[in-house]
């Protein structure tokens, strides 16, 4: 009634997040992604909604390809 809000996060403390990222970096872990050209963004959305994405789609600017 007074507009007060309480929030929290279930992903851990900042120190736990830092430790997890350090472990991933030290272990050489990489995300599973499918790179799609930025010019195909609309098709990527259609494919994603159609359930064709195997992994996370990442739109890539062709001049700065990863």
PDB file of N, CA and C in Angstrom:
ATOM      1  N   UNK A   1       0.805  -1.194   0.000  1.00  0.00           N
ATOM      2  CA  UNK A   1       0.000   0.000   0.000  1.00  0.00           C
ATOM      3  C   UNK A   1       0.854   1.268   0.000  1.00  0.00           C
ATOM      4  N   UNK A   2       2.061   1.181   0.552  1.00  0.00           N
ATOM      5  CA  UNK A   2       2.922   2.357   0.633  1.00  0.00           C
ATOM      6  C   UNK A   2       3.939   2.408  -0.512  1.00  0.00           C
ATOM      7  N   UNK A   3       3.821   1.489  -1.473  1.00  0.00           N
ATOM      8  CA  UNK A   3       4.731   1.490  -2.616  1.00  0.00           C
ATOM      9  C   UNK A   3       6.100   0.902  -2.325  1.00  0.00           C
ATOM     10  N   UNK A   4       6.251   0.222  -1.201  1.00  0.00           N
ATOM     11  CA  UNK A   4       7.533  -0.394  -0.873  1.00  0.00           C
ATOM     12  C   UNK A   4       7.660  -1.713  -1.623  1.00  0.00           C
ATOM     13  N   UNK A   5       8.868  -1.991  -2.111  1.00  0.00           N
ATOM     14  CA  UNK A   5       9.140  -3.233  -2.826  1.00  0.00           C
ATOM     15  C   UNK A   5      10.381  -3.874  -2.243  1.00  0.00           C
ATOM     16  N   UNK A   6      10.354  -5.188  -2.158  1.00  0.00           N
ATOM     17  CA  UNK A   6      11.512  -5.950  -1.705  1.00  0.00           C
ATOM     18  C   UNK A   6      11.895  -6.874  -2.853  1.00  0.00           C
ATOM     19  N   UNK A   7      13.174  -6.903  -3.201  1.00  0.00           N
ATOM     20  CA  UNK A   7      13.637  -7.746  -4.302  1.00  0.00           C
ATOM     21  C   UNK A   7      14.817  -8.579  -3.870  1.00  0.00           C
ATOM     22  N   UNK A   8      15.072  -9.597  -4.628  1.00  0.00           N
ATOM     23  CA  UNK A   8      16.202 -10.456  -4.331  1.00  0.00           C
ATOM     24  C   UNK A   8      16.632 -11.196  -5.583  1.00  0.00           C
ATOM     25  N   UNK A   9      17.675 -11.973  -5.464  1.00  0.00           N
ATOM     26  CA  UNK A   9      18.202 -12.729  -6.583  1.00  0.00           C
ATOM     27  C   UNK A   9      18.497 -14.146  -6.131  1.00  0.00           C
ATOM     28  N   UNK A  10      18.130 -15.103  -6.969  1.00  0.00           N
ATOM     29  CA  UNK A  10      18.380 -16.508  -6.642  1.00  0.00           C
ATOM     30  C   UNK A  10      19.663 -17.010  -7.287  1.00  0.00           C
ATOM     31  N   UNK A  11      20.469 -16.110  -7.860  1.00  0.00           N
ATOM     32  CA  UNK A  11      21.672 -16.559  -8.557  1.00  0.00           C
ATOM     33  C   UNK A  11      22.922 -16.497  -7.689  1.00  0.00           C
ATOM     34  N   UNK A  12      22.822 -16.009  -6.487  1.00  0.00           N
ATOM     35  CA  UNK A  12      23.964 -15.983  -5.592  1.00  0.00           C
ATOM     36  C   UNK A  12      24.484 -14.585  -5.346  1.00  0.00           C
ATOM     37  N   UNK A  13      25.419 -14.535  -4.442  1.00  0.00           N
ATOM     38  CA  UNK A  13      26.025 -13.253  -4.077  1.00  0.00           C
ATOM     39  C   UNK A  13      27.001 -12.824  -5.172  1.00  0.00           C
ATOM     40  N   UNK A  14      27.382 -11.538  -5.167  1.00  0.00           N
ATOM     41  CA  UNK A  14      28.382 -11.096  -6.151  1.00  0.00           C
ATOM     42  C   UNK A  14      29.671 -11.916  -6.080  1.00  0.00           C
ATOM     43  N   UNK A  15      30.097 -12.324  -4.889  1.00  0.00           N
ATOM     44  CA  UNK A  15      31.316 -13.129  -4.755  1.00  0.00           C
ATOM     45  C   UNK A  15      31.119 -14.508  -5.374  1.00  0.00           C
ATOM     46  N   UNK A  16      29.953 -15.127  -5.174  1.00  0.00           N
ATOM     47  CA  UNK A  16      29.676 -16.434  -5.773  1.00  0.00           C
ATOM     48  C   UNK A  16      29.646 -16.340  -7.300  1.00  0.00           C
ATOM     49  N   UNK A  17      29.086 -15.262  -7.820  1.00  0.00           N
ATOM     50  CA  UNK A  17      29.044 -15.067  -9.267  1.00  0.00           C
ATOM     51  C   UNK A  17      30.467 -14.910  -9.809  1.00  0.00           C
ATOM     52  N   UNK A  18      31.278 -14.122  -9.125  1.00  0.00           N
ATOM     53  CA  UNK A  18      32.672 -13.938  -9.542  1.00  0.00           C
ATOM     54  C   UNK A  18      33.429 -15.262  -9.514  1.00  0.00           C
ATOM     55  N   UNK A  19      33.227 -16.062  -8.460  1.00  0.00           N
ATOM     56  CA  UNK A  19      33.876 -17.372  -8.361  1.00  0.00           C
ATOM     57  C   UNK A  19      33.438 -18.304  -9.483  1.00  0.00           C
ATOM     58  N   UNK A  20      32.148 -18.288  -9.814  1.00  0.00           N
ATOM     59  CA  UNK A  20      31.623 -19.131 -10.876  1.00  0.00           C
ATOM     60  C   UNK A  20      32.209 -18.735 -12.224  1.00  0.00           C
ATOM     61  N   UNK A  21      32.300 -17.430 -12.500  1.00  0.00           N
ATOM     62  CA  UNK A  21      32.867 -16.974 -13.762  1.00  0.00           C
ATOM     63  C   UNK A  21      34.358 -17.297 -13.845  1.00  0.00           C
ATOM     64  N   UNK A  22      35.061 -17.189 -12.731  1.00  0.00           N
ATOM     65  CA  UNK A  22      36.486 -17.532 -12.708  1.00  0.00           C
ATOM     66  C   UNK A  22      36.672 -19.027 -12.979  1.00  0.00           C
ATOM     67  N   UNK A  23      35.819 -19.861 -12.391  1.00  0.00           N
ATOM     68  CA  UNK A  23      35.892 -21.306 -12.627  1.00  0.00           C
ATOM     69  C   UNK A  23      35.641 -21.618 -14.100  1.00  0.00           C
ATOM     70  N   UNK A  24      34.640 -20.972 -14.692  1.00  0.00           N
ATOM     71  CA  UNK A  24      34.335 -21.192 -16.107  1.00  0.00           C
ATOM     72  C   UNK A  24      35.519 -20.770 -16.975  1.00  0.00           C
ATOM     73  N   UNK A  25      36.117 -19.623 -16.682  1.00  0.00           N
ATOM     74  CA  UNK A  25      37.253 -19.140 -17.462  1.00  0.00           C
ATOM     75  C   UNK A  25      38.460 -20.060 -17.305  1.00  0.00           C
ATOM     76  N   UNK A  26      38.739 -20.476 -16.084  1.00  0.00           N
ATOM     77  CA  UNK A  26      39.882 -21.352 -15.823  1.00  0.00           C
ATOM     78  C   UNK A  26      39.699 -22.735 -16.447  1.00  0.00           C
ATOM     79  N   UNK A  27      38.462 -23.177 -16.576  1.00  0.00           N
ATOM     80  CA  UNK A  27      38.162 -24.504 -17.131  1.00  0.00           C
ATOM     81  C   UNK A  27      38.016 -24.477 -18.649  1.00  0.00           C
ATOM     82  N   UNK A  28      38.032 -23.284 -19.239  1.00  0.00           N
ATOM     83  CA  UNK A  28      37.891 -23.162 -20.685  1.00  0.00           C
ATOM     84  C   UNK A  28      36.486 -23.427 -21.182  1.00  0.00           C
ATOM     85  N   UNK A  29      35.485 -23.193 -20.335  1.00  0.00           N
ATOM     86  CA  UNK A  29      34.103 -23.401 -20.739  1.00  0.00           C
ATOM     87  C   UNK A  29      33.647 -22.296 -21.677  1.00  0.00           C
ATOM     88  N   UNK A  30      32.837 -22.669 -22.663  1.00  0.00           N
ATOM     89  CA  UNK A  30      32.291 -21.709 -23.619  1.00  0.00           C
ATOM     90  C   UNK A  30      30.803 -21.985 -23.777  1.00  0.00           C
ATOM     91  N   UNK A  31      30.004 -20.951 -24.035  1.00  0.00           N
ATOM     92  CA  UNK A  31      28.564 -21.164 -24.219  1.00  0.00           C
ATOM     93  C   UNK A  31      28.292 -21.859 -25.555  1.00  0.00           C
ATOM     94  N   UNK A  32      27.183 -22.596 -25.606  1.00  0.00           N
ATOM     95  CA  UNK A  32      26.727 -23.189 -26.865  1.00  0.00           C
ATOM     96  C   UNK A  32      25.859 -22.153 -27.557  1.00  0.00           C
ATOM     97  N   UNK A  33      26.340 -21.653 -28.673  1.00  0.00           N
ATOM     98  CA  UNK A  33      25.612 -20.610 -29.393  1.00  0.00           C
ATOM     99  C   UNK A  33      25.584 -20.937 -30.883  1.00  0.00           C
ATOM    100  N   UNK A  34      24.666 -20.318 -31.574  1.00  0.00           N
ATOM    101  CA  UNK A  34      24.634 -20.307 -33.025  1.00  0.00           C
ATOM    102  C   UNK A  34      24.729 -18.855 -33.444  1.00  0.00           C
ATOM    103  N   UNK A  35      25.783 -18.513 -34.185  1.00  0.00           N
ATOM    104  CA  UNK A  35      25.935 -17.148 -34.656  1.00  0.00           C
ATOM    105  C   UNK A  35      25.111 -16.965 -35.921  1.00  0.00           C
ATOM    106  N   UNK A  36      24.366 -15.882 -35.968  1.00  0.00           N
ATOM    107  CA  UNK A  36      23.564 -15.544 -37.138  1.00  0.00           C
ATOM    108  C   UNK A  36      23.923 -14.126 -37.559  1.00  0.00           C
ATOM    109  N   UNK A  37      24.033 -13.880 -38.872  1.00  0.00           N
ATOM    110  CA  UNK A  37      24.345 -12.523 -39.333  1.00  0.00           C
ATOM    111  C   UNK A  37      23.238 -11.544 -38.927  1.00  0.00           C
ATOM    112  N   UNK A  38      23.623 -10.348 -38.588  1.00  0.00           N
ATOM    113  CA  UNK A  38      22.668  -9.321 -38.185  1.00  0.00           C
ATOM    114  C   UNK A  38      21.609  -9.102 -39.268  1.00  0.00           C
ATOM    115  N   UNK A  39      22.008  -9.221 -40.526  1.00  0.00           N
ATOM    116  CA  UNK A  39      21.059  -9.000 -41.625  1.00  0.00           C
ATOM    117  C   UNK A  39      19.969 -10.066 -41.661  1.00  0.00           C
ATOM    118  N   UNK A  40      20.180 -11.206 -40.988  1.00  0.00           N
ATOM    119  CA  UNK A  40      19.175 -12.270 -40.932  1.00  0.00           C
ATOM    120  C   UNK A  40      18.408 -12.276 -39.612  1.00  0.00           C
ATOM    121  N   UNK A  41      18.360 -11.130 -38.940  1.00  0.00           N
ATOM    122  CA  UNK A  41      17.716 -11.056 -37.621  1.00  0.00           C
ATOM    123  C   UNK A  41      16.253 -11.490 -37.680  1.00  0.00           C
ATOM    124  N   UNK A  42      15.508 -11.040 -38.684  1.00  0.00           N
ATOM    125  CA  UNK A  42      14.096 -11.405 -38.776  1.00  0.00           C
ATOM    126  C   UNK A  42      13.928 -12.911 -38.953  1.00  0.00           C
ATOM    127  N   UNK A  43      14.760 -13.529 -39.791  1.00  0.00           N
ATOM    128  CA  UNK A  43      14.687 -14.980 -39.996  1.00  0.00           C
ATOM    129  C   UNK A  43      15.061 -15.713 -38.714  1.00  0.00           C
ATOM    130  N   UNK A  44      16.030 -15.186 -37.976  1.00  0.00           N
ATOM    131  CA  UNK A  44      16.419 -15.812 -36.712  1.00  0.00           C
ATOM    132  C   UNK A  44      15.252 -15.816 -35.731  1.00  0.00           C
ATOM    133  N   UNK A  45      14.500 -14.724 -35.674  1.00  0.00           N
ATOM    134  CA  UNK A  45      13.326 -14.651 -34.785  1.00  0.00           C
ATOM    135  C   UNK A  45      12.280 -15.674 -35.216  1.00  0.00           C
ATOM    136  N   UNK A  46      12.024 -15.755 -36.522  1.00  0.00           N
ATOM    137  CA  UNK A  46      11.047 -16.718 -37.036  1.00  0.00           C
ATOM    138  C   UNK A  46      11.501 -18.146 -36.726  1.00  0.00           C
ATOM    139  N   UNK A  47      12.779 -18.450 -36.958  1.00  0.00           N
ATOM    140  CA  UNK A  47      13.305 -19.779 -36.677  1.00  0.00           C
ATOM    141  C   UNK A  47      13.224 -20.101 -35.190  1.00  0.00           C
ATOM    142  N   UNK A  48      13.538 -19.115 -34.354  1.00  0.00           N
ATOM    143  CA  UNK A  48      13.496 -19.326 -32.911  1.00  0.00           C
ATOM    144  C   UNK A  48      12.070 -19.631 -32.451  1.00  0.00           C
ATOM    145  N   UNK A  49      11.118 -18.845 -32.936  1.00  0.00           N
ATOM    146  CA  UNK A  49       9.718 -19.069 -32.570  1.00  0.00           C
ATOM    147  C   UNK A  49       9.206 -20.400 -33.113  1.00  0.00           C
ATOM    148  N   UNK A  50       9.810 -20.880 -34.208  1.00  0.00           N
ATOM    149  CA  UNK A  50       9.430 -22.161 -34.796  1.00  0.00           C
ATOM    150  C   UNK A  50      10.139 -23.343 -34.156  1.00  0.00           C
ATOM    151  N   UNK A  51      10.960 -23.075 -33.128  1.00  0.00           N
ATOM    152  CA  UNK A  51      11.638 -24.145 -32.413  1.00  0.00           C
ATOM    153  C   UNK A  51      12.857 -24.702 -33.135  1.00  0.00           C
ATOM    154  N   UNK A  52      13.403 -23.956 -34.086  1.00  0.00           N
ATOM    155  CA  UNK A  52      14.546 -24.437 -34.861  1.00  0.00           C
ATOM    156  C   UNK A  52      15.896 -24.126 -34.224  1.00  0.00           C
ATOM    157  N   UNK A  53      15.913 -23.289 -33.208  1.00  0.00           N
ATOM    158  CA  UNK A  53      17.184 -22.933 -32.559  1.00  0.00           C
ATOM    159  C   UNK A  53      17.643 -24.094 -31.691  1.00  0.00           C
ATOM    160  N   UNK A  54      18.848 -24.599 -31.957  1.00  0.00           N
ATOM    161  CA  UNK A  54      19.401 -25.663 -31.109  1.00  0.00           C
ATOM    162  C   UNK A  54      20.032 -25.063 -29.851  1.00  0.00           C
ATOM    163  N   UNK A  55      20.625 -23.909 -30.004  1.00  0.00           N
ATOM    164  CA  UNK A  55      21.285 -23.229 -28.898  1.00  0.00           C
ATOM    165  C   UNK A  55      20.828 -21.779 -28.898  1.00  0.00           C
ATOM    166  N   UNK A  56      21.473 -20.956 -28.121  1.00  0.00           N
ATOM    167  CA  UNK A  56      21.146 -19.532 -28.084  1.00  0.00           C
ATOM    168  C   UNK A  56      21.614 -18.889 -29.384  1.00  0.00           C
ATOM    169  N   UNK A  57      20.750 -18.094 -30.000  1.00  0.00           N
ATOM    170  CA  UNK A  57      21.138 -17.339 -31.192  1.00  0.00           C
ATOM    171  C   UNK A  57      21.882 -16.083 -30.760  1.00  0.00           C
ATOM    172  N   UNK A  58      22.971 -15.791 -31.454  1.00  0.00           N
ATOM    173  CA  UNK A  58      23.737 -14.575 -31.223  1.00  0.00           C
ATOM    174  C   UNK A  58      23.840 -13.863 -32.562  1.00  0.00           C
ATOM    175  N   UNK A  59      23.295 -12.652 -32.632  1.00  0.00           N
ATOM    176  CA  UNK A  59      23.380 -11.864 -33.854  1.00  0.00           C
ATOM    177  C   UNK A  59      24.755 -11.217 -33.934  1.00  0.00           C
ATOM    178  N   UNK A  60      25.410 -11.371 -35.094  1.00  0.00           N
ATOM    179  CA  UNK A  60      26.784 -10.919 -35.257  1.00  0.00           C
ATOM    180  C   UNK A  60      26.851  -9.902 -36.387  1.00  0.00           C
ATOM    181  N   UNK A  61      27.479  -8.776 -36.097  1.00  0.00           N
ATOM    182  CA  UNK A  61      27.759  -7.792 -37.123  1.00  0.00           C
ATOM    183  C   UNK A  61      28.890  -8.377 -37.981  1.00  0.00           C
ATOM    184  N   UNK A  62      28.623  -8.578 -39.258  1.00  0.00           N
ATOM    185  CA  UNK A  62      29.578  -9.241 -40.135  1.00  0.00           C
ATOM    186  C   UNK A  62      30.957  -8.563 -40.143  1.00  0.00           C
ATOM    187  N   UNK A  63      31.013  -7.256 -39.957  1.00  0.00           N
ATOM    188  CA  UNK A  63      32.296  -6.560 -39.958  1.00  0.00           C
ATOM    189  C   UNK A  63      33.062  -6.776 -38.656  1.00  0.00           C
ATOM    190  N   UNK A  64      32.404  -7.350 -37.632  1.00  0.00           N
ATOM    191  CA  UNK A  64      33.054  -7.592 -36.336  1.00  0.00           C
ATOM    192  C   UNK A  64      32.797  -9.014 -35.882  1.00  0.00           C
ATOM    193  N   UNK A  65      32.890  -9.965 -36.779  1.00  0.00           N
ATOM    194  CA  UNK A  65      32.584 -11.360 -36.481  1.00  0.00           C
ATOM    195  C   UNK A  65      33.481 -11.898 -35.364  1.00  0.00           C
ATOM    196  N   UNK A  66      32.871 -12.692 -34.483  1.00  0.00           N
ATOM    197  CA  UNK A  66      33.602 -13.269 -33.347  1.00  0.00           C
ATOM    198  C   UNK A  66      34.556 -14.349 -33.784  1.00  0.00           C
TER     199      UNK A  66
END
